[in-house]
Amino acid sequence: MEITALDVVEAIRSTMDELSHMGPDDSFADLDIDSLSLVEAAVILSNKFGVRVDEFELADAGTARVAAGLVTGKLALQPAV
């Protein structure tokens, strides 16, 4: 399953009104996303896509597009059910 940048953006936007203007290539740093918001976004993505994502990985990813690749990579590593 491939997660797109828009999947990540929509997941975050759906619960974080302050990021309703976020685009797939917007830098998290440029959006002034603080560490608490990164934790919240990580929980949202973990719950939505069923893989553990932490705030440090999101900070390192820097954008929703890179975060989508991160989530897709984690999904690929999960054993088939």
Protein backbone atom coordinates (compact mmCIF):
# COMPACT_ATOMS: atom_id res chain seq x y z
CA MET A 1 0.00 0.00 0.00
CA GLU A 2 1.41 3.34 -0.99
CA ILE A 3 0.58 6.37 1.11
CA THR A 4 0.58 9.65 -0.79
CA ALA A 5 1.55 13.08 0.44
CA LEU A 6 -2.09 14.11 0.16
CA ASP A 7 -3.10 11.17 2.39
CA VAL A 8 -0.74 12.50 5.06
CA VAL A 9 -1.90 16.10 4.62
CA GLU A 10 -5.58 15.13 4.81
CA ALA A 11 -5.03 13.00 7.91
CA ILE A 12 -3.28 15.86 9.71
CA ARG A 13 -5.71 18.53 8.49
CA SER A 14 -8.70 16.48 9.61
CA THR A 15 -7.91 16.99 13.28
CA MET A 16 -5.49 19.91 13.43
CA ASP A 17 -7.34 23.06 12.36
CA GLU A 18 -4.23 25.20 12.76
CA LEU A 19 -2.67 23.27 9.85
CA SER A 20 -5.65 23.50 7.50
CA HIS A 21 -3.48 25.47 5.04
CA MET A 22 -0.68 22.86 4.96
CA GLY A 23 0.42 21.55 1.57
CA PRO A 24 2.38 18.39 0.73
CA ASP A 25 5.68 20.18 0.22
CA ASP A 26 5.40 22.77 2.99
CA SER A 27 8.22 22.48 5.47
CA PHE A 28 7.05 21.63 8.97
CA ALA A 29 9.59 24.17 10.25
CA ASP A 30 8.21 26.90 7.97
CA LEU A 31 4.71 26.15 9.26
CA ASP A 32 5.98 26.71 12.82
CA ILE A 33 4.88 23.26 13.90
CA ASP A 34 6.05 22.87 17.49
CA SER A 35 7.06 19.63 19.17
CA LEU A 36 3.64 19.10 20.74
CA SER A 37 1.98 19.41 17.33
CA LEU A 38 4.49 16.93 15.90
CA VAL A 39 3.55 14.48 18.65
CA GLU A 40 -0.13 14.97 17.81
CA ALA A 41 0.53 14.53 14.08
CA ALA A 42 2.57 11.38 14.77
CA VAL A 43 -0.30 9.88 16.78
CA ILE A 44 -2.77 10.77 14.02
CA LEU A 45 -0.63 9.09 11.36
CA SER A 46 0.10 6.05 13.53
CA ASN A 47 -3.60 5.50 14.20
CA LYS A 48 -4.72 6.16 10.64
CA PHE A 49 -2.16 3.99 8.86
CA GLY A 50 -1.46 1.33 11.48
CA VAL A 51 2.29 1.85 11.82
CA ARG A 52 4.23 3.55 14.59
CA VAL A 53 5.47 7.01 13.62
CA ASP A 54 7.11 9.22 16.21
CA GLU A 55 7.62 12.97 16.37
CA PHE A 56 11.36 12.70 15.74
CA GLU A 57 10.78 10.83 12.48
CA LEU A 58 8.30 13.50 11.41
CA ALA A 59 10.74 16.28 12.29
CA ASP A 60 13.44 14.52 10.27
CA ALA A 61 11.03 13.99 7.36
CA GLY A 62 10.34 17.71 7.25
CA THR A 63 7.39 17.62 4.84
CA ALA A 64 4.21 15.59 4.32
CA ARG A 65 5.65 14.21 1.07
CA VAL A 66 8.68 12.73 2.81
CA ALA A 67 6.50 11.56 5.72
CA ALA A 68 4.32 9.68 3.22
CA GLY A 69 7.41 7.80 2.02
CA LEU A 70 8.29 7.02 5.62
CA VAL A 71 4.83 5.59 6.33
CA THR A 72 4.84 3.62 3.05
CA GLY A 73 8.23 2.16 3.93
CA LYS A 74 7.03 1.10 7.38
CA LEU A 75 3.93 -0.51 5.88
CA ALA A 76 6.11 -2.48 3.45
CA LEU A 77 8.06 -3.93 6.39
CA GLN A 78 4.96 -5.29 8.10
CA PRO A 79 4.41 -9.02 7.74
CA ALA A 80 1.57 -10.10 5.50
CA VAL A 81 -1.53 -11.22 7.36
